[in-house]
């Protein structure tokens, strides 16, 4: 870093261009299934875990179980 004269101190970062993308945590699954939540709510109210499942033909698969500690407000 010294050879390239890169500063050794912290560098301020301008995140205004990506700030809107950081407001929500997004999970995307196959078949256009999407799960989106604010990061604070996600950390406090959502549990995500991988579980073992079986396809209709009996082959093992990995599935995702999402638990939201709240009721459905609207559909």
PDB file of N, CA and C in Angstrom:
ATOM      1  N   UNK A   1       0.819  -1.180   0.000  1.00  0.00           N
ATOM      2  CA  UNK A   1       0.000   0.000   0.000  1.00  0.00           C
ATOM      3  C   UNK A   1       0.872   1.256   0.000  1.00  0.00           C
ATOM      4  N   UNK A   2       1.986   1.184   0.687  1.00  0.00           N
ATOM      5  CA  UNK A   2       2.885   2.343   0.716  1.00  0.00           C
ATOM      6  C   UNK A   2       3.465   2.618  -0.663  1.00  0.00           C
ATOM      7  N   UNK A   3       3.799   1.548  -1.393  1.00  0.00           N
ATOM      8  CA  UNK A   3       4.367   1.725  -2.726  1.00  0.00           C
ATOM      9  C   UNK A   3       3.394   2.430  -3.673  1.00  0.00           C
ATOM     10  N   UNK A   4       2.110   2.163  -3.518  1.00  0.00           N
ATOM     11  CA  UNK A   4       1.093   2.770  -4.381  1.00  0.00           C
ATOM     12  C   UNK A   4       0.569   4.087  -3.803  1.00  0.00           C
ATOM     13  N   UNK A   5       1.171   4.528  -2.670  1.00  0.00           N
ATOM     14  CA  UNK A   5       0.783   5.764  -1.991  1.00  0.00           C
ATOM     15  C   UNK A   5      -0.696   5.770  -1.600  1.00  0.00           C
ATOM     16  N   UNK A   6      -1.164   4.612  -1.164  1.00  0.00           N
ATOM     17  CA  UNK A   6      -2.539   4.473  -0.688  1.00  0.00           C
ATOM     18  C   UNK A   6      -2.566   4.908   0.765  1.00  0.00           C
ATOM     19  N   UNK A   7      -3.548   5.710   1.185  1.00  0.00           N
ATOM     20  CA  UNK A   7      -3.562   6.186   2.574  1.00  0.00           C
ATOM     21  C   UNK A   7      -3.692   5.032   3.570  1.00  0.00           C
ATOM     22  N   UNK A   8      -2.978   5.138   4.677  1.00  0.00           N
ATOM     23  CA  UNK A   8      -3.001   4.098   5.699  1.00  0.00           C
ATOM     24  C   UNK A   8      -4.126   4.318   6.702  1.00  0.00           C
ATOM     25  N   UNK A   9      -4.750   5.483   6.663  1.00  0.00           N
ATOM     26  CA  UNK A   9      -5.856   5.772   7.587  1.00  0.00           C
ATOM     27  C   UNK A   9      -7.186   5.353   6.951  1.00  0.00           C
ATOM     28  N   UNK A  10      -8.248   5.461   7.737  1.00  0.00           N
ATOM     29  CA  UNK A  10      -9.581   5.098   7.252  1.00  0.00           C
ATOM     30  C   UNK A  10      -9.990   5.994   6.086  1.00  0.00           C
ATOM     31  N   UNK A  11     -10.723   5.414   5.167  1.00  0.00           N
ATOM     32  CA  UNK A  11     -11.175   6.136   3.977  1.00  0.00           C
ATOM     33  C   UNK A  11     -12.682   6.341   4.096  1.00  0.00           C
ATOM     34  N   UNK A  12     -13.160   7.588   4.033  1.00  0.00           N
ATOM     35  CA  UNK A  12     -14.618   7.798   4.081  1.00  0.00           C
ATOM     36  C   UNK A  12     -15.277   7.212   2.832  1.00  0.00           C
ATOM     37  N   UNK A  13     -16.440   6.603   3.025  1.00  0.00           N
ATOM     38  CA  UNK A  13     -17.147   5.965   1.919  1.00  0.00           C
ATOM     39  C   UNK A  13     -18.484   6.665   1.695  1.00  0.00           C
ATOM     40  N   UNK A  14     -18.784   6.954   0.466  1.00  0.00           N
ATOM     41  CA  UNK A  14     -20.061   7.546   0.098  1.00  0.00           C
ATOM     42  C   UNK A  14     -20.974   6.426  -0.380  1.00  0.00           C
ATOM     43  N   UNK A  15     -21.995   6.095   0.428  1.00  0.00           N
ATOM     44  CA  UNK A  15     -22.890   4.991   0.088  1.00  0.00           C
ATOM     45  C   UNK A  15     -24.249   5.494  -0.411  1.00  0.00           C
ATOM     46  N   UNK A  16     -24.344   6.747  -0.785  1.00  0.00           N
ATOM     47  CA  UNK A  16     -25.637   7.281  -1.213  1.00  0.00           C
ATOM     48  C   UNK A  16     -26.202   6.538  -2.414  1.00  0.00           C
ATOM     49  N   UNK A  17     -25.362   6.047  -3.308  1.00  0.00           N
ATOM     50  CA  UNK A  17     -25.843   5.330  -4.493  1.00  0.00           C
ATOM     51  C   UNK A  17     -26.448   3.967  -4.144  1.00  0.00           C
ATOM     52  N   UNK A  18     -26.021   3.339  -3.075  1.00  0.00           N
ATOM     53  CA  UNK A  18     -26.516   2.003  -2.717  1.00  0.00           C
ATOM     54  C   UNK A  18     -27.351   2.012  -1.448  1.00  0.00           C
ATOM     55  N   UNK A  19     -27.592   3.171  -0.885  1.00  0.00           N
ATOM     56  CA  UNK A  19     -28.297   3.251   0.395  1.00  0.00           C
ATOM     57  C   UNK A  19     -29.690   2.632   0.329  1.00  0.00           C
ATOM     58  N   UNK A  20     -30.411   2.837  -0.762  1.00  0.00           N
ATOM     59  CA  UNK A  20     -31.756   2.270  -0.878  1.00  0.00           C
ATOM     60  C   UNK A  20     -31.707   0.746  -0.905  1.00  0.00           C
ATOM     61  N   UNK A  21     -30.654   0.171  -1.457  1.00  0.00           N
ATOM     62  CA  UNK A  21     -30.527  -1.282  -1.498  1.00  0.00           C
ATOM     63  C   UNK A  21     -30.182  -1.855  -0.132  1.00  0.00           C
ATOM     64  N   UNK A  22     -29.592  -1.045   0.748  1.00  0.00           N
ATOM     65  CA  UNK A  22     -29.208  -1.527   2.066  1.00  0.00           C
ATOM     66  C   UNK A  22     -30.356  -1.450   3.068  1.00  0.00           C
ATOM     67  N   UNK A  23     -31.464  -0.828   2.694  1.00  0.00           N
ATOM     68  CA  UNK A  23     -32.589  -0.672   3.615  1.00  0.00           C
ATOM     69  C   UNK A  23     -33.348  -1.969   3.835  1.00  0.00           C
ATOM     70  N   UNK A  24     -33.241  -2.905   2.908  1.00  0.00           N
ATOM     71  CA  UNK A  24     -33.969  -4.164   3.008  1.00  0.00           C
ATOM     72  C   UNK A  24     -33.029  -5.343   2.842  1.00  0.00           C
ATOM     73  N   UNK A  25     -33.287  -6.375   3.610  1.00  0.00           N
ATOM     74  CA  UNK A  25     -32.572  -7.634   3.418  1.00  0.00           C
ATOM     75  C   UNK A  25     -33.450  -8.504   2.541  1.00  0.00           C
ATOM     76  N   UNK A  26     -32.885  -9.056   1.487  1.00  0.00           N
ATOM     77  CA  UNK A  26     -33.666  -9.815   0.516  1.00  0.00           C
ATOM     78  C   UNK A  26     -33.147 -11.237   0.394  1.00  0.00           C
ATOM     79  N   UNK A  27     -34.090 -12.165   0.284  1.00  0.00           N
ATOM     80  CA  UNK A  27     -33.766 -13.562   0.001  1.00  0.00           C
ATOM     81  C   UNK A  27     -34.576 -13.938  -1.228  1.00  0.00           C
ATOM     82  N   UNK A  28     -33.928 -14.543  -2.208  1.00  0.00           N
ATOM     83  CA  UNK A  28     -34.612 -14.937  -3.435  1.00  0.00           C
ATOM     84  C   UNK A  28     -34.461 -16.445  -3.613  1.00  0.00           C
ATOM     85  N   UNK A  29     -35.585 -17.100  -3.840  1.00  0.00           N
ATOM     86  CA  UNK A  29     -35.624 -18.541  -4.039  1.00  0.00           C
ATOM     87  C   UNK A  29     -36.017 -18.824  -5.481  1.00  0.00           C
ATOM     88  N   UNK A  30     -36.025 -20.090  -5.861  1.00  0.00           N
ATOM     89  CA  UNK A  30     -36.452 -20.445  -7.217  1.00  0.00           C
ATOM     90  C   UNK A  30     -37.940 -20.146  -7.389  1.00  0.00           C
ATOM     91  N   UNK A  31     -38.385 -20.160  -8.619  1.00  0.00           N
ATOM     92  CA  UNK A  31     -39.789 -19.906  -8.959  1.00  0.00           C
ATOM     93  C   UNK A  31     -40.273 -18.531  -8.514  1.00  0.00           C
ATOM     94  N   UNK A  32     -39.350 -17.551  -8.501  1.00  0.00           N
ATOM     95  CA  UNK A  32     -39.669 -16.150  -8.202  1.00  0.00           C
ATOM     96  C   UNK A  32     -40.204 -15.917  -6.789  1.00  0.00           C
ATOM     97  N   UNK A  33     -39.878 -16.779  -5.859  1.00  0.00           N
ATOM     98  CA  UNK A  33     -40.268 -16.572  -4.465  1.00  0.00           C
ATOM     99  C   UNK A  33     -39.257 -15.636  -3.829  1.00  0.00           C
ATOM    100  N   UNK A  34     -39.768 -14.556  -3.209  1.00  0.00           N
ATOM    101  CA  UNK A  34     -38.900 -13.556  -2.593  1.00  0.00           C
ATOM    102  C   UNK A  34     -39.354 -13.277  -1.171  1.00  0.00           C
ATOM    103  N   UNK A  35     -38.418 -13.055  -0.299  1.00  0.00           N
ATOM    104  CA  UNK A  35     -38.684 -12.705   1.090  1.00  0.00           C
ATOM    105  C   UNK A  35     -37.864 -11.455   1.388  1.00  0.00           C
ATOM    106  N   UNK A  36     -38.527 -10.387   1.824  1.00  0.00           N
ATOM    107  CA  UNK A  36     -37.865  -9.111   2.032  1.00  0.00           C
ATOM    108  C   UNK A  36     -38.278  -8.536   3.373  1.00  0.00           C
ATOM    109  N   UNK A  37     -37.309  -7.979   4.107  1.00  0.00           N
ATOM    110  CA  UNK A  37     -37.601  -7.364   5.395  1.00  0.00           C
ATOM    111  C   UNK A  37     -36.514  -6.352   5.735  1.00  0.00           C
ATOM    112  N   UNK A  38     -36.858  -5.331   6.537  1.00  0.00           N
ATOM    113  CA  UNK A  38     -35.815  -4.431   7.016  1.00  0.00           C
ATOM    114  C   UNK A  38     -34.812  -5.223   7.858  1.00  0.00           C
ATOM    115  N   UNK A  39     -33.533  -4.879   7.790  1.00  0.00           N
ATOM    116  CA  UNK A  39     -32.516  -5.657   8.517  1.00  0.00           C
ATOM    117  C   UNK A  39     -32.791  -5.771  10.011  1.00  0.00           C
ATOM    118  N   UNK A  40     -33.290  -4.706  10.639  1.00  0.00           N
ATOM    119  CA  UNK A  40     -33.548  -4.761  12.085  1.00  0.00           C
ATOM    120  C   UNK A  40     -34.647  -5.771  12.401  1.00  0.00           C
ATOM    121  N   UNK A  41     -35.736  -5.736  11.638  1.00  0.00           N
ATOM    122  CA  UNK A  41     -36.827  -6.680  11.848  1.00  0.00           C
ATOM    123  C   UNK A  41     -36.371  -8.100  11.539  1.00  0.00           C
ATOM    124  N   UNK A  42     -35.570  -8.248  10.505  1.00  0.00           N
ATOM    125  CA  UNK A  42     -35.059  -9.561  10.130  1.00  0.00           C
ATOM    126  C   UNK A  42     -34.269 -10.168  11.289  1.00  0.00           C
ATOM    127  N   UNK A  43     -33.386  -9.374  11.882  1.00  0.00           N
ATOM    128  CA  UNK A  43     -32.562  -9.881  12.985  1.00  0.00           C
ATOM    129  C   UNK A  43     -33.391 -10.205  14.215  1.00  0.00           C
ATOM    130  N   UNK A  44     -34.438  -9.423  14.478  1.00  0.00           N
ATOM    131  CA  UNK A  44     -35.228  -9.589  15.703  1.00  0.00           C
ATOM    132  C   UNK A  44     -36.357 -10.605  15.582  1.00  0.00           C
ATOM    133  N   UNK A  45     -36.935 -10.739  14.387  1.00  0.00           N
ATOM    134  CA  UNK A  45     -38.180 -11.491  14.282  1.00  0.00           C
ATOM    135  C   UNK A  45     -38.157 -12.678  13.329  1.00  0.00           C
ATOM    136  N   UNK A  46     -37.049 -12.906  12.632  1.00  0.00           N
ATOM    137  CA  UNK A  46     -37.010 -13.959  11.614  1.00  0.00           C
ATOM    138  C   UNK A  46     -35.922 -14.976  11.947  1.00  0.00           C
ATOM    139  N   UNK A  47     -36.279 -16.236  11.825  1.00  0.00           N
ATOM    140  CA  UNK A  47     -35.317 -17.327  11.973  1.00  0.00           C
ATOM    141  C   UNK A  47     -35.282 -18.104  10.658  1.00  0.00           C
ATOM    142  N   UNK A  48     -34.088 -18.302  10.131  1.00  0.00           N
ATOM    143  CA  UNK A  48     -33.916 -19.038   8.879  1.00  0.00           C
ATOM    144  C   UNK A  48     -33.046 -20.250   9.173  1.00  0.00           C
ATOM    145  N   UNK A  49     -33.512 -21.413   8.753  1.00  0.00           N
ATOM    146  CA  UNK A  49     -32.725 -22.628   8.974  1.00  0.00           C
ATOM    147  C   UNK A  49     -32.867 -23.575   7.791  1.00  0.00           C
ATOM    148  N   UNK A  50     -31.829 -24.331   7.544  1.00  0.00           N
ATOM    149  CA  UNK A  50     -31.847 -25.348   6.504  1.00  0.00           C
ATOM    150  C   UNK A  50     -32.351 -26.645   7.116  1.00  0.00           C
ATOM    151  N   UNK A  51     -33.287 -27.285   6.434  1.00  0.00           N
ATOM    152  CA  UNK A  51     -33.832 -28.557   6.917  1.00  0.00           C
ATOM    153  C   UNK A  51     -33.729 -29.585   5.805  1.00  0.00           C
ATOM    154  N   UNK A  52     -33.675 -30.832   6.194  1.00  0.00           N
ATOM    155  CA  UNK A  52     -33.638 -31.927   5.221  1.00  0.00           C
ATOM    156  C   UNK A  52     -35.070 -32.271   4.826  1.00  0.00           C
ATOM    157  N   UNK A  53     -35.309 -32.381   3.532  1.00  0.00           N
ATOM    158  CA  UNK A  53     -36.622 -32.743   3.031  1.00  0.00           C
ATOM    159  C   UNK A  53     -36.492 -33.831   1.987  1.00  0.00           C
ATOM    160  N   UNK A  54     -37.611 -34.211   1.428  1.00  0.00           N
ATOM    161  CA  UNK A  54     -37.609 -35.234   0.382  1.00  0.00           C
ATOM    162  C   UNK A  54     -38.513 -34.769  -0.754  1.00  0.00           C
ATOM    163  N   UNK A  55     -38.022 -34.936  -1.970  1.00  0.00           N
ATOM    164  CA  UNK A  55     -38.826 -34.644  -3.157  1.00  0.00           C
ATOM    165  C   UNK A  55     -39.934 -35.680  -3.274  1.00  0.00           C
ATOM    166  N   UNK A  56     -40.858 -35.450  -4.167  1.00  0.00           N
ATOM    167  CA  UNK A  56     -41.968 -36.394  -4.348  1.00  0.00           C
ATOM    168  C   UNK A  56     -41.495 -37.790  -4.711  1.00  0.00           C
ATOM    169  N   UNK A  57     -40.353 -37.867  -5.387  1.00  0.00           N
ATOM    170  CA  UNK A  57     -39.829 -39.192  -5.753  1.00  0.00           C
ATOM    171  C   UNK A  57     -38.962 -39.805  -4.657  1.00  0.00           C
ATOM    172  N   UNK A  58     -38.831 -39.106  -3.531  1.00  0.00           N
ATOM    173  CA  UNK A  58     -38.100 -39.649  -2.396  1.00  0.00           C
ATOM    174  C   UNK A  58     -36.644 -39.236  -2.303  1.00  0.00           C
ATOM    175  N   UNK A  59     -36.123 -38.528  -3.296  1.00  0.00           N
ATOM    176  CA  UNK A  59     -34.725 -38.109  -3.231  1.00  0.00           C
ATOM    177  C   UNK A  59     -34.557 -37.008  -2.181  1.00  0.00           C
ATOM    178  N   UNK A  60     -33.458 -37.077  -1.426  1.00  0.00           N
ATOM    179  CA  UNK A  60     -33.233 -36.079  -0.387  1.00  0.00           C
ATOM    180  C   UNK A  60     -32.967 -34.693  -0.986  1.00  0.00           C
ATOM    181  N   UNK A  61     -33.456 -33.673  -0.294  1.00  0.00           N
ATOM    182  CA  UNK A  61     -33.253 -32.293  -0.706  1.00  0.00           C
ATOM    183  C   UNK A  61     -33.005 -31.432   0.530  1.00  0.00           C
ATOM    184  N   UNK A  62     -32.403 -30.277   0.296  1.00  0.00           N
ATOM    185  CA  UNK A  62     -32.279 -29.297   1.372  1.00  0.00           C
ATOM    186  C   UNK A  62     -33.311 -28.211   1.140  1.00  0.00           C
ATOM    187  N   UNK A  63     -34.100 -27.932   2.151  1.00  0.00           N
ATOM    188  CA  UNK A  63     -35.118 -26.902   2.090  1.00  0.00           C
ATOM    189  C   UNK A  63     -34.764 -25.808   3.088  1.00  0.00           C
ATOM    190  N   UNK A  64     -35.500 -24.720   3.011  1.00  0.00           N
ATOM    191  CA  UNK A  64     -35.299 -23.611   3.933  1.00  0.00           C
ATOM    192  C   UNK A  64     -36.580 -23.394   4.722  1.00  0.00           C
ATOM    193  N   UNK A  65     -36.468 -23.364   6.044  1.00  0.00           N
ATOM    194  CA  UNK A  65     -37.603 -23.064   6.912  1.00  0.00           C
ATOM    195  C   UNK A  65     -37.424 -21.646   7.416  1.00  0.00           C
ATOM    196  N   UNK A  66     -38.423 -20.807   7.169  1.00  0.00           N
ATOM    197  CA  UNK A  66     -38.401 -19.426   7.637  1.00  0.00           C
ATOM    198  C   UNK A  66     -39.508 -19.277   8.664  1.00  0.00           C
ATOM    199  N   UNK A  67     -39.144 -18.844   9.861  1.00  0.00           N
ATOM    200  CA  UNK A  67     -40.111 -18.615  10.919  1.00  0.00           C
ATOM    201  C   UNK A  67     -40.155 -17.120  11.204  1.00  0.00           C
ATOM    202  N   UNK A  68     -41.351 -16.551  11.105  1.00  0.00           N
ATOM    203  CA  UNK A  68     -41.547 -15.134  11.412  1.00  0.00           C
ATOM    204  C   UNK A  68     -42.375 -15.059  12.681  1.00  0.00           C
ATOM    205  N   UNK A  69     -41.840 -14.428  13.688  1.00  0.00           N
ATOM    206  CA  UNK A  69     -42.534 -14.328  14.968  1.00  0.00           C
ATOM    207  C   UNK A  69     -43.536 -13.167  14.935  1.00  0.00           C
ATOM    208  N   UNK A  70     -44.559 -13.327  14.091  1.00  0.00           N
ATOM    209  CA  UNK A  70     -45.611 -12.343  13.937  1.00  0.00           C
ATOM    210  C   UNK A  70     -46.711 -12.985  13.093  1.00  0.00           C
ATOM    211  N   UNK A  71     -47.854 -12.333  12.991  1.00  0.00           N
ATOM    212  CA  UNK A  71     -48.954 -12.856  12.178  1.00  0.00           C
ATOM    213  C   UNK A  71     -48.951 -12.167  10.809  1.00  0.00           C
ATOM    214  N   UNK A  72     -49.645 -12.732   9.839  1.00  0.00           N
ATOM    215  CA  UNK A  72     -49.764 -12.135   8.519  1.00  0.00           C
ATOM    216  C   UNK A  72     -50.727 -10.966   8.604  1.00  0.00           C
ATOM    217  N   UNK A  73     -50.239  -9.798   8.221  1.00  0.00           N
ATOM    218  CA  UNK A  73     -51.056  -8.593   8.285  1.00  0.00           C
ATOM    219  C   UNK A  73     -51.892  -8.401   7.031  1.00  0.00           C
ATOM    220  N   UNK A  74     -51.338  -8.743   5.869  1.00  0.00           N
ATOM    221  CA  UNK A  74     -52.037  -8.521   4.610  1.00  0.00           C
ATOM    222  C   UNK A  74     -51.499  -9.490   3.563  1.00  0.00           C
ATOM    223  N   UNK A  75     -52.347  -9.831   2.583  1.00  0.00           N
ATOM    224  CA  UNK A  75     -51.934 -10.714   1.496  1.00  0.00           C
ATOM    225  C   UNK A  75     -52.341 -10.111   0.184  1.00  0.00           C
TER     226      UNK A  75
END
